[in-house]
N, C-alpha and C. Protein backbone atom coordinates (compact mmCIF):
# COMPACT_ATOMS: atom_id res chain seq x y z
N MET A 1 -25.01 36.90 -4.72
CA MET A 1 -24.06 37.15 -3.65
C MET A 1 -22.97 36.08 -3.68
N LYS A 2 -21.75 36.51 -3.71
CA LYS A 2 -20.62 35.58 -3.76
C LYS A 2 -20.18 35.22 -2.35
N THR A 3 -19.77 33.97 -2.20
CA THR A 3 -19.24 33.54 -0.91
C THR A 3 -17.74 33.35 -1.04
N LYS A 4 -17.05 33.56 0.03
CA LYS A 4 -15.60 33.38 0.01
C LYS A 4 -15.29 31.89 0.08
N THR A 5 -14.40 31.48 -0.77
CA THR A 5 -13.95 30.09 -0.73
C THR A 5 -12.44 30.09 -0.51
N LYS A 6 -12.01 29.15 0.26
CA LYS A 6 -10.57 29.03 0.51
C LYS A 6 -9.97 28.19 -0.60
N LYS A 7 -8.85 28.64 -1.11
CA LYS A 7 -8.16 27.89 -2.14
C LYS A 7 -7.38 26.75 -1.49
N ALA A 8 -7.35 25.65 -2.18
CA ALA A 8 -6.57 24.51 -1.67
C ALA A 8 -5.09 24.86 -1.79
N PRO A 9 -4.28 24.37 -0.88
CA PRO A 9 -2.85 24.65 -0.99
C PRO A 9 -2.29 24.09 -2.29
N ALA A 10 -1.35 24.77 -2.86
CA ALA A 10 -0.78 24.37 -4.15
C ALA A 10 -0.05 23.04 -4.05
N THR A 11 0.64 22.82 -2.96
CA THR A 11 1.38 21.57 -2.79
C THR A 11 0.99 20.94 -1.47
N ARG A 12 1.14 19.67 -1.41
CA ARG A 12 0.85 18.96 -0.16
C ARG A 12 1.97 19.20 0.83
N THR A 13 1.65 19.09 2.07
CA THR A 13 2.68 19.27 3.09
C THR A 13 3.58 18.05 3.12
N THR A 14 4.74 18.22 3.70
CA THR A 14 5.70 17.11 3.75
C THR A 14 5.15 15.95 4.57
N GLY A 15 4.30 16.23 5.56
CA GLY A 15 3.71 15.16 6.36
C GLY A 15 2.90 14.21 5.51
N HIS A 16 2.12 14.75 4.58
CA HIS A 16 1.33 13.90 3.69
C HIS A 16 2.24 13.06 2.80
N GLN A 17 3.31 13.67 2.31
CA GLN A 17 4.23 12.94 1.44
C GLN A 17 4.89 11.79 2.18
N ILE A 18 5.27 12.03 3.42
CA ILE A 18 5.91 10.98 4.22
C ILE A 18 4.94 9.82 4.43
N VAL A 19 3.69 10.14 4.76
CA VAL A 19 2.69 9.10 4.99
C VAL A 19 2.45 8.32 3.71
N GLU A 20 2.34 9.01 2.59
CA GLU A 20 2.12 8.32 1.32
C GLU A 20 3.27 7.39 0.98
N GLU A 21 4.51 7.83 1.23
CA GLU A 21 5.66 6.97 0.97
C GLU A 21 5.64 5.74 1.87
N LYS A 22 5.30 5.92 3.13
CA LYS A 22 5.26 4.79 4.05
C LYS A 22 4.17 3.80 3.66
N VAL A 23 3.01 4.33 3.25
CA VAL A 23 1.92 3.45 2.83
C VAL A 23 2.32 2.68 1.57
N ARG A 24 2.97 3.36 0.64
CA ARG A 24 3.42 2.71 -0.59
C ARG A 24 4.41 1.60 -0.27
N ASP A 25 5.39 1.89 0.61
CA ASP A 25 6.38 0.88 1.01
C ASP A 25 5.72 -0.30 1.71
N LEU A 26 4.77 -0.01 2.59
CA LEU A 26 4.07 -1.08 3.31
C LEU A 26 3.29 -1.96 2.35
N ASN A 27 2.62 -1.37 1.36
CA ASN A 27 1.87 -2.15 0.39
C ASN A 27 2.79 -3.07 -0.40
N GLU A 28 3.97 -2.57 -0.79
CA GLU A 28 4.93 -3.42 -1.50
C GLU A 28 5.37 -4.59 -0.62
N PHE A 29 5.64 -4.31 0.65
CA PHE A 29 6.06 -5.36 1.57
C PHE A 29 4.97 -6.41 1.74
N LEU A 30 3.72 -5.95 1.89
CA LEU A 30 2.62 -6.89 2.07
C LEU A 30 2.40 -7.75 0.84
N LYS A 31 2.61 -7.19 -0.34
CA LYS A 31 2.48 -7.98 -1.57
C LYS A 31 3.52 -9.10 -1.59
N LYS A 32 4.76 -8.76 -1.17
CA LYS A 32 5.81 -9.77 -1.12
C LYS A 32 5.46 -10.87 -0.12
N VAL A 33 4.98 -10.49 1.05
CA VAL A 33 4.60 -11.46 2.07
C VAL A 33 3.48 -12.35 1.56
N ASP A 34 2.46 -11.74 0.92
CA ASP A 34 1.36 -12.52 0.36
C ASP A 34 1.86 -13.53 -0.66
N MET A 35 2.76 -13.11 -1.53
CA MET A 35 3.27 -14.01 -2.56
C MET A 35 4.06 -15.15 -1.92
N ASN A 36 4.85 -14.85 -0.90
CA ASN A 36 5.63 -15.90 -0.23
C ASN A 36 4.69 -16.91 0.44
N GLN A 37 3.66 -16.43 1.10
CA GLN A 37 2.70 -17.33 1.75
C GLN A 37 1.96 -18.16 0.71
N TRP A 38 1.62 -17.55 -0.40
CA TRP A 38 0.91 -18.25 -1.47
C TRP A 38 1.78 -19.37 -2.02
N GLN A 39 3.06 -19.08 -2.25
CA GLN A 39 3.98 -20.10 -2.76
C GLN A 39 4.14 -21.25 -1.76
N GLU A 40 4.24 -20.93 -0.48
CA GLU A 40 4.34 -21.97 0.54
C GLU A 40 3.09 -22.84 0.56
N THR A 41 1.93 -22.23 0.42
CA THR A 41 0.68 -22.98 0.40
C THR A 41 0.63 -23.92 -0.79
N ILE A 42 1.07 -23.45 -1.95
CA ILE A 42 1.09 -24.28 -3.15
C ILE A 42 2.05 -25.45 -2.97
N GLU A 43 3.23 -25.17 -2.41
CA GLU A 43 4.21 -26.24 -2.19
C GLU A 43 3.66 -27.29 -1.23
N LYS A 44 3.00 -26.87 -0.15
CA LYS A 44 2.42 -27.81 0.79
C LYS A 44 1.33 -28.65 0.12
N ALA A 45 0.54 -28.03 -0.71
CA ALA A 45 -0.52 -28.75 -1.40
C ALA A 45 0.08 -29.79 -2.35
N ARG A 46 1.16 -29.44 -3.02
CA ARG A 46 1.81 -30.39 -3.94
C ARG A 46 2.37 -31.58 -3.17
N VAL A 47 2.98 -31.30 -2.02
CA VAL A 47 3.55 -32.37 -1.21
C VAL A 47 2.43 -33.30 -0.74
N ASN A 48 1.31 -32.74 -0.33
CA ASN A 48 0.19 -33.55 0.17
C ASN A 48 -0.44 -34.37 -0.95
N MET A 49 -0.34 -33.92 -2.19
CA MET A 49 -0.93 -34.66 -3.31
C MET A 49 -0.13 -35.91 -3.64
N LYS A 50 1.16 -35.90 -3.33
CA LYS A 50 2.03 -37.04 -3.70
C LYS A 50 1.79 -38.24 -2.84
């Protein structure tokens, strides 16, 4: 006996695309912030070593 299965939509809705773009942009921003904080921490450590 076969059961009916619903096919997945061929394309994602625009809402999903917008969320994915925002998440991607946010991740890029957070990487930049992390790198800036990391550089500041290194600079402070170098100053304290002198």
